[in-house]
Amino acid sequence: MYYLCFILLYLRSLGFDIDNEPFQKHAKYFRDALVLDNAKLVNKRSDFLTAFFENLLLNDQNDLSSERMYEELGIPSYQ
């Protein structure tokens, strides 16, 4: 996840005091949210990535479970 280093450096340069703990704790969710946001689909989904960063930067309480993401997308969960 080389882009994680750039995200952390960028956010720190903006004055945010964050570490990589949220990224470690929700690694699968973050990865899937990035894929969905960058997918070349008719229905591109950025709401999952937005939810992640709302929790990270605004101390919001969005559900970051992959199971909920898959359920909302209407696809079966995988391990």
PDB file of N, CA and C in Angstrom:
ATOM      1  N   MET A   1       0.829  -1.174   0.000  1.00  0.00           N
ATOM      2  CA  MET A   1       0.000   0.000   0.000  1.00  0.00           C
ATOM      3  C   MET A   1       0.883   1.251   0.000  1.00  0.00           C
ATOM      4  N   TYR A   2       1.633   1.426  -1.068  1.00  0.00           N
ATOM      5  CA  TYR A   2       2.530   2.570  -1.154  1.00  0.00           C
ATOM      6  C   TYR A   2       1.785   3.898  -1.107  1.00  0.00           C
ATOM      7  N   TYR A   3       0.544   3.922  -1.592  1.00  0.00           N
ATOM      8  CA  TYR A   3      -0.229   5.165  -1.585  1.00  0.00           C
ATOM      9  C   TYR A   3      -0.572   5.599  -0.176  1.00  0.00           C
ATOM     10  N   LEU A   4      -0.580   4.663   0.769  1.00  0.00           N
ATOM     11  CA  LEU A   4      -0.862   4.996   2.162  1.00  0.00           C
ATOM     12  C   LEU A   4       0.183   5.957   2.699  1.00  0.00           C
ATOM     13  N   CYS A   5       1.437   5.732   2.366  1.00  0.00           N
ATOM     14  CA  CYS A   5       2.504   6.634   2.813  1.00  0.00           C
ATOM     15  C   CYS A   5       2.258   8.049   2.317  1.00  0.00           C
ATOM     16  N   PHE A   6       1.850   8.178   1.060  1.00  0.00           N
ATOM     17  CA  PHE A   6       1.597   9.500   0.502  1.00  0.00           C
ATOM     18  C   PHE A   6       0.378  10.154   1.140  1.00  0.00           C
ATOM     19  N   ILE A   7      -0.645   9.358   1.416  1.00  0.00           N
ATOM     20  CA  ILE A   7      -1.840   9.895   2.079  1.00  0.00           C
ATOM     21  C   ILE A   7      -1.478  10.420   3.460  1.00  0.00           C
ATOM     22  N   LEU A   8      -0.739   9.624   4.226  1.00  0.00           N
ATOM     23  CA  LEU A   8      -0.343  10.054   5.565  1.00  0.00           C
ATOM     24  C   LEU A   8       0.529  11.304   5.517  1.00  0.00           C
ATOM     25  N   LEU A   9       1.500  11.341   4.631  1.00  0.00           N
ATOM     26  CA  LEU A   9       2.354  12.519   4.511  1.00  0.00           C
ATOM     27  C   LEU A   9       1.557  13.751   4.109  1.00  0.00           C
ATOM     28  N   TYR A  10       0.643  13.586   3.171  1.00  0.00           N
ATOM     29  CA  TYR A  10      -0.173  14.717   2.725  1.00  0.00           C
ATOM     30  C   TYR A  10      -1.048  15.246   3.853  1.00  0.00           C
ATOM     31  N   LEU A  11      -1.734  14.354   4.554  1.00  0.00           N
ATOM     32  CA  LEU A  11      -2.612  14.788   5.642  1.00  0.00           C
ATOM     33  C   LEU A  11      -1.817  15.440   6.779  1.00  0.00           C
ATOM     34  N   ARG A  12      -0.651  14.903   7.065  1.00  0.00           N
ATOM     35  CA  ARG A  12       0.194  15.517   8.098  1.00  0.00           C
ATOM     36  C   ARG A  12       0.663  16.896   7.668  1.00  0.00           C
ATOM     37  N   SER A  13       0.960  17.069   6.363  1.00  0.00           N
ATOM     38  CA  SER A  13       1.388  18.391   5.882  1.00  0.00           C
ATOM     39  C   SER A  13       0.266  19.421   5.994  1.00  0.00           C
ATOM     40  N   LEU A  14      -0.978  18.933   6.036  1.00  0.00           N
ATOM     41  CA  LEU A  14      -2.124  19.827   6.210  1.00  0.00           C
ATOM     42  C   LEU A  14      -2.420  20.103   7.688  1.00  0.00           C
ATOM     43  N   GLY A  15      -1.637  19.483   8.573  1.00  0.00           N
ATOM     44  CA  GLY A  15      -1.794  19.738   9.999  1.00  0.00           C
ATOM     45  C   GLY A  15      -2.556  18.688  10.770  1.00  0.00           C
ATOM     46  N   PHE A  16      -2.966  17.612  10.111  1.00  0.00           N
ATOM     47  CA  PHE A  16      -3.667  16.530  10.809  1.00  0.00           C
ATOM     48  C   PHE A  16      -2.656  15.664  11.551  1.00  0.00           C
ATOM     49  N   ASP A  17      -2.968  15.346  12.789  1.00  0.00           N
ATOM     50  CA  ASP A  17      -2.109  14.487  13.600  1.00  0.00           C
ATOM     51  C   ASP A  17      -2.705  13.078  13.581  1.00  0.00           C
ATOM     52  N   ILE A  18      -2.286  12.281  12.606  1.00  0.00           N
ATOM     53  CA  ILE A  18      -2.837  10.932  12.447  1.00  0.00           C
ATOM     54  C   ILE A  18      -1.709   9.925  12.325  1.00  0.00           C
ATOM     55  N   ASP A  19      -2.024   8.698  12.667  1.00  0.00           N
ATOM     56  CA  ASP A  19      -1.082   7.609  12.475  1.00  0.00           C
ATOM     57  C   ASP A  19      -1.733   6.582  11.554  1.00  0.00           C
ATOM     58  N   ASN A  20      -1.098   5.453  11.383  1.00  0.00           N
ATOM     59  CA  ASN A  20      -1.631   4.463  10.439  1.00  0.00           C
ATOM     60  C   ASN A  20      -2.582   3.465  11.091  1.00  0.00           C
ATOM     61  N   GLU A  21      -2.915   3.632  12.375  1.00  0.00           N
ATOM     62  CA  GLU A  21      -3.790   2.690  13.086  1.00  0.00           C
ATOM     63  C   GLU A  21      -5.151   2.511  12.398  1.00  0.00           C
ATOM     64  N   PRO A  22      -5.842   3.599  11.986  1.00  0.00           N
ATOM     65  CA  PRO A  22      -7.129   3.389  11.303  1.00  0.00           C
ATOM     66  C   PRO A  22      -6.980   2.606   9.997  1.00  0.00           C
ATOM     67  N   PHE A  23      -5.876   2.799   9.315  1.00  0.00           N
ATOM     68  CA  PHE A  23      -5.636   2.079   8.067  1.00  0.00           C
ATOM     69  C   PHE A  23      -5.366   0.602   8.347  1.00  0.00           C
ATOM     70  N   GLN A  24      -4.670   0.305   9.435  1.00  0.00           N
ATOM     71  CA  GLN A  24      -4.424  -1.086   9.810  1.00  0.00           C
ATOM     72  C   GLN A  24      -5.714  -1.759  10.272  1.00  0.00           C
ATOM     73  N   LYS A  25      -6.474  -1.061  11.081  1.00  0.00           N
ATOM     74  CA  LYS A  25      -7.686  -1.633  11.659  1.00  0.00           C
ATOM     75  C   LYS A  25      -8.736  -1.930  10.594  1.00  0.00           C
ATOM     76  N   HIS A  26      -8.789  -1.099   9.560  1.00  0.00           N
ATOM     77  CA  HIS A  26      -9.801  -1.244   8.511  1.00  0.00           C
ATOM     78  C   HIS A  26      -9.145  -1.431   7.141  1.00  0.00           C
ATOM     79  N   ALA A  27      -8.080  -2.218   7.085  1.00  0.00           N
ATOM     80  CA  ALA A  27      -7.310  -2.380   5.849  1.00  0.00           C
ATOM     81  C   ALA A  27      -8.153  -2.936   4.699  1.00  0.00           C
ATOM     82  N   LYS A  28      -8.924  -3.967   4.961  1.00  0.00           N
ATOM     83  CA  LYS A  28      -9.734  -4.577   3.903  1.00  0.00           C
ATOM     84  C   LYS A  28     -10.794  -3.603   3.400  1.00  0.00           C
ATOM     85  N   TYR A  29     -11.458  -2.922   4.330  1.00  0.00           N
ATOM     86  CA  TYR A  29     -12.480  -1.942   3.955  1.00  0.00           C
ATOM     87  C   TYR A  29     -11.849  -0.827   3.118  1.00  0.00           C
ATOM     88  N   PHE A  30     -10.699  -0.297   3.574  1.00  0.00           N
ATOM     89  CA  PHE A  30     -10.034   0.794   2.867  1.00  0.00           C
ATOM     90  C   PHE A  30      -9.623   0.362   1.467  1.00  0.00           C
ATOM     91  N   ARG A  31      -9.061  -0.832   1.353  1.00  0.00           N
ATOM     92  CA  ARG A  31      -8.662  -1.345   0.039  1.00  0.00           C
ATOM     93  C   ARG A  31      -9.863  -1.450  -0.898  1.00  0.00           C
ATOM     94  N   ASP A  32     -10.955  -2.041  -0.403  1.00  0.00           N
ATOM     95  CA  ASP A  32     -12.140  -2.205  -1.229  1.00  0.00           C
ATOM     96  C   ASP A  32     -12.768  -0.851  -1.590  1.00  0.00           C
ATOM     97  N   ALA A  33     -12.742   0.095  -0.650  1.00  0.00           N
ATOM     98  CA  ALA A  33     -13.282   1.424  -0.922  1.00  0.00           C
ATOM     99  C   ALA A  33     -12.468   2.126  -1.999  1.00  0.00           C
ATOM    100  N   LEU A  34     -11.149   1.969  -1.962  1.00  0.00           N
ATOM    101  CA  LEU A  34     -10.301   2.552  -3.007  1.00  0.00           C
ATOM    102  C   LEU A  34     -10.603   1.945  -4.371  1.00  0.00           C
ATOM    103  N   VAL A  35     -10.765   0.639  -4.411  1.00  0.00           N
ATOM    104  CA  VAL A  35     -11.076  -0.043  -5.672  1.00  0.00           C
ATOM    105  C   VAL A  35     -12.399   0.462  -6.230  1.00  0.00           C
ATOM    106  N   LEU A  36     -13.414   0.532  -5.375  1.00  0.00           N
ATOM    107  CA  LEU A  36     -14.731   0.994  -5.834  1.00  0.00           C
ATOM    108  C   LEU A  36     -14.696   2.441  -6.295  1.00  0.00           C
ATOM    109  N   ASP A  37     -13.895   3.270  -5.639  1.00  0.00           N
ATOM    110  CA  ASP A  37     -13.809   4.674  -6.016  1.00  0.00           C
ATOM    111  C   ASP A  37     -13.076   4.849  -7.341  1.00  0.00           C
ATOM    112  N   ASN A  38     -12.132   3.968  -7.632  1.00  0.00           N
ATOM    113  CA  ASN A  38     -11.333   4.100  -8.849  1.00  0.00           C
ATOM    114  C   ASN A  38     -11.793   3.189  -9.976  1.00  0.00           C
ATOM    115  N   ALA A  39     -12.814   2.390  -9.727  1.00  0.00           N
ATOM    116  CA  ALA A  39     -13.296   1.456 -10.741  1.00  0.00           C
ATOM    117  C   ALA A  39     -13.928   2.205 -11.912  1.00  0.00           C
ATOM    118  N   LYS A  40     -13.752   1.660 -13.054  1.00  0.00           N
ATOM    119  CA  LYS A  40     -14.365   2.232 -14.248  1.00  0.00           C
ATOM    120  C   LYS A  40     -15.716   1.563 -14.463  1.00  0.00           C
ATOM    121  N   LEU A  41     -16.607   1.823 -13.543  1.00  0.00           N
ATOM    122  CA  LEU A  41     -17.944   1.249 -13.571  1.00  0.00           C
ATOM    123  C   LEU A  41     -18.952   2.332 -13.922  1.00  0.00           C
ATOM    124  N   VAL A  42     -20.096   1.898 -14.373  1.00  0.00           N
ATOM    125  CA  VAL A  42     -21.169   2.841 -14.631  1.00  0.00           C
ATOM    126  C   VAL A  42     -21.576   3.513 -13.319  1.00  0.00           C
ATOM    127  N   ASN A  43     -21.646   2.724 -12.248  1.00  0.00           N
ATOM    128  CA  ASN A  43     -22.043   3.242 -10.934  1.00  0.00           C
ATOM    129  C   ASN A  43     -20.831   3.320 -10.011  1.00  0.00           C
ATOM    130  N   LYS A  44     -19.950   4.268 -10.278  1.00  0.00           N
ATOM    131  CA  LYS A  44     -18.776   4.463  -9.437  1.00  0.00           C
ATOM    132  C   LYS A  44     -19.223   4.828  -8.025  1.00  0.00           C
ATOM    133  N   ARG A  45     -18.575   4.250  -7.015  1.00  0.00           N
ATOM    134  CA  ARG A  45     -18.979   4.465  -5.617  1.00  0.00           C
ATOM    135  C   ARG A  45     -17.851   5.115  -4.828  1.00  0.00           C
ATOM    136  N   SER A  46     -18.018   6.349  -4.450  1.00  0.00           N
ATOM    137  CA  SER A  46     -17.025   7.011  -3.603  1.00  0.00           C
ATOM    138  C   SER A  46     -17.513   7.150  -2.165  1.00  0.00           C
ATOM    139  N   ASP A  47     -18.754   6.757  -1.894  1.00  0.00           N
ATOM    140  CA  ASP A  47     -19.314   6.948  -0.554  1.00  0.00           C
ATOM    141  C   ASP A  47     -18.601   6.124   0.510  1.00  0.00           C
ATOM    142  N   PHE A  48     -18.056   4.972   0.164  1.00  0.00           N
ATOM    143  CA  PHE A  48     -17.351   4.153   1.144  1.00  0.00           C
ATOM    144  C   PHE A  48     -16.016   4.794   1.531  1.00  0.00           C
ATOM    145  N   LEU A  49     -15.317   5.330   0.559  1.00  0.00           N
ATOM    146  CA  LEU A  49     -14.062   6.025   0.840  1.00  0.00           C
ATOM    147  C   LEU A  49     -14.331   7.305   1.624  1.00  0.00           C
ATOM    148  N   THR A  50     -15.394   7.986   1.286  1.00  0.00           N
ATOM    149  CA  THR A  50     -15.791   9.188   2.023  1.00  0.00           C
ATOM    150  C   THR A  50     -16.069   8.845   3.485  1.00  0.00           C
ATOM    151  N   ALA A  51     -16.770   7.744   3.723  1.00  0.00           N
ATOM    152  CA  ALA A  51     -17.078   7.317   5.093  1.00  0.00           C
ATOM    153  C   ALA A  51     -15.797   7.055   5.881  1.00  0.00           C
ATOM    154  N   PHE A  52     -14.811   6.420   5.237  1.00  0.00           N
ATOM    155  CA  PHE A  52     -13.537   6.141   5.903  1.00  0.00           C
ATOM    156  C   PHE A  52     -12.861   7.436   6.338  1.00  0.00           C
ATOM    157  N   PHE A  53     -12.781   8.410   5.422  1.00  0.00           N
ATOM    158  CA  PHE A  53     -12.102   9.658   5.748  1.00  0.00           C
ATOM    159  C   PHE A  53     -12.919  10.541   6.694  1.00  0.00           C
ATOM    160  N   GLU A  54     -14.225  10.421   6.677  1.00  0.00           N
ATOM    161  CA  GLU A  54     -15.029  11.126   7.680  1.00  0.00           C
ATOM    162  C   GLU A  54     -14.700  10.612   9.069  1.00  0.00           C
ATOM    163  N   ASN A  55     -14.556   9.311   9.210  1.00  0.00           N
ATOM    164  CA  ASN A  55     -14.173   8.734  10.504  1.00  0.00           C
ATOM    165  C   ASN A  55     -12.771   9.179  10.900  1.00  0.00           C
ATOM    166  N   LEU A  56     -11.857   9.163   9.944  1.00  0.00           N
ATOM    167  CA  LEU A  56     -10.458   9.487  10.219  1.00  0.00           C
ATOM    168  C   LEU A  56     -10.275  10.954  10.595  1.00  0.00           C
ATOM    169  N   LEU A  57     -10.871  11.838   9.813  1.00  0.00           N
ATOM    170  CA  LEU A  57     -10.596  13.264   9.975  1.00  0.00           C
ATOM    171  C   LEU A  57     -11.624  14.012  10.812  1.00  0.00           C
ATOM    172  N   LEU A  58     -12.852  13.538  10.839  1.00  0.00           N
ATOM    173  CA  LEU A  58     -13.922  14.256  11.516  1.00  0.00           C
ATOM    174  C   LEU A  58     -14.449  13.524  12.743  1.00  0.00           C
ATOM    175  N   ASN A  59     -13.787  12.426  13.100  1.00  0.00           N
ATOM    176  CA  ASN A  59     -14.220  11.598  14.231  1.00  0.00           C
ATOM    177  C   ASN A  59     -15.669  11.160  14.112  1.00  0.00           C
ATOM    178  N   ASP A  60     -16.100  10.909  12.890  1.00  0.00           N
ATOM    179  CA  ASP A  60     -17.453  10.407  12.655  1.00  0.00           C
ATOM    180  C   ASP A  60     -17.518   8.942  13.073  1.00  0.00           C
ATOM    181  N   GLN A  61     -18.682   8.354  13.043  1.00  0.00           N
ATOM    182  CA  GLN A  61     -18.870   6.982  13.505  1.00  0.00           C
ATOM    183  C   GLN A  61     -19.507   6.105  12.418  1.00  0.00           C
ATOM    184  N   ASN A  62     -19.069   6.253  11.174  1.00  0.00           N
ATOM    185  CA  ASN A  62     -19.591   5.413  10.096  1.00  0.00           C
ATOM    186  C   ASN A  62     -19.199   3.958  10.306  1.00  0.00           C
ATOM    187  N   ASP A  63     -20.083   3.054   9.917  1.00  0.00           N
ATOM    188  CA  ASP A  63     -19.804   1.622   9.992  1.00  0.00           C
ATOM    189  C   ASP A  63     -18.824   1.268   8.882  1.00  0.00           C
ATOM    190  N   LEU A  64     -17.637   0.830   9.256  1.00  0.00           N
ATOM    191  CA  LEU A  64     -16.607   0.486   8.277  1.00  0.00           C
ATOM    192  C   LEU A  64     -16.416  -1.016   8.150  1.00  0.00           C
ATOM    193  N   SER A  65     -17.498  -1.746   8.253  1.00  0.00           N
ATOM    194  CA  SER A  65     -17.391  -3.196   8.100  1.00  0.00           C
ATOM    195  C   SER A  65     -17.529  -3.572   6.627  1.00  0.00           C
ATOM    196  N   SER A  66     -16.675  -4.469   6.202  1.00  0.00           N
ATOM    197  CA  SER A  66     -16.742  -4.941   4.817  1.00  0.00           C
ATOM    198  C   SER A  66     -18.054  -5.652   4.557  1.00  0.00           C
ATOM    199  N   GLU A  67     -18.577  -6.324   5.579  1.00  0.00           N
ATOM    200  CA  GLU A  67     -19.841  -7.036   5.420  1.00  0.00           C
ATOM    201  C   GLU A  67     -20.969  -6.082   5.035  1.00  0.00           C
ATOM    202  N   ARG A  68     -21.014  -4.914   5.696  1.00  0.00           N
ATOM    203  CA  ARG A  68     -22.042  -3.927   5.372  1.00  0.00           C
ATOM    204  C   ARG A  68     -21.838  -3.393   3.954  1.00  0.00           C
ATOM    205  N   MET A  69     -20.582  -3.191   3.579  1.00  0.00           N
ATOM    206  CA  MET A  69     -20.280  -2.707   2.238  1.00  0.00           C
ATOM    207  C   MET A  69     -20.801  -3.695   1.193  1.00  0.00           C
ATOM    208  N   TYR A  70     -20.482  -4.982   1.381  1.00  0.00           N
ATOM    209  CA  TYR A  70     -20.919  -5.996   0.419  1.00  0.00           C
ATOM    210  C   TYR A  70     -22.434  -6.100   0.390  1.00  0.00           C
ATOM    211  N   GLU A  71     -23.049  -6.012   1.567  1.00  0.00           N
ATOM    212  CA  GLU A  71     -24.503  -6.081   1.645  1.00  0.00           C
ATOM    213  C   GLU A  71     -25.140  -4.920   0.880  1.00  0.00           C
ATOM    214  N   GLU A  72     -24.592  -3.729   1.075  1.00  0.00           N
ATOM    215  CA  GLU A  72     -25.126  -2.555   0.384  1.00  0.00           C
ATOM    216  C   GLU A  72     -24.930  -2.652  -1.130  1.00  0.00           C
ATOM    217  N   LEU A  73     -23.854  -3.293  -1.550  1.00  0.00           N
ATOM    218  CA  LEU A  73     -23.581  -3.471  -2.976  1.00  0.00           C
ATOM    219  C   LEU A  73     -24.374  -4.637  -3.577  1.00  0.00           C
ATOM    220  N   GLY A  74     -24.940  -5.464  -2.704  1.00  0.00           N
ATOM    221  CA  GLY A  74     -25.711  -6.606  -3.184  1.00  0.00           C
ATOM    222  C   GLY A  74     -24.866  -7.747  -3.691  1.00  0.00           C
ATOM    223  N   ILE A  75     -23.653  -7.887  -3.136  1.00  0.00           N
ATOM    224  CA  ILE A  75     -22.788  -9.000  -3.526  1.00  0.00           C
ATOM    225  C   ILE A  75     -22.482  -9.848  -2.301  1.00  0.00           C
ATOM    226  N   PRO A  76     -22.252 -11.130  -2.497  1.00  0.00           N
ATOM    227  CA  PRO A  76     -21.944 -11.998  -1.354  1.00  0.00           C
ATOM    228  C   PRO A  76     -20.588 -11.648  -0.758  1.00  0.00           C
ATOM    229  N   SER A  77     -20.490 -11.763   0.547  1.00  0.00           N
ATOM    230  CA  SER A  77     -19.246 -11.499   1.253  1.00  0.00           C
ATOM    231  C   SER A  77     -18.244 -12.612   0.945  1.00  0.00           C
ATOM    232  N   TYR A  78     -16.970 -12.260   0.958  1.00  0.00           N
ATOM    233  CA  TYR A  78     -15.925 -13.264   0.773  1.00  0.00           C
ATOM    234  C   TYR A  78     -14.876 -13.077   1.845  1.00  0.00           C
ATOM    235  N   GLN A  79     -14.093 -14.094   2.055  1.00  0.00           N
ATOM    236  CA  GLN A  79     -13.062 -14.050   3.109  1.00  0.00           C
ATOM    237  C   GLN A  79     -11.802 -13.469   2.608  1.00  0.00           C
TER     238      GLN A  79
END
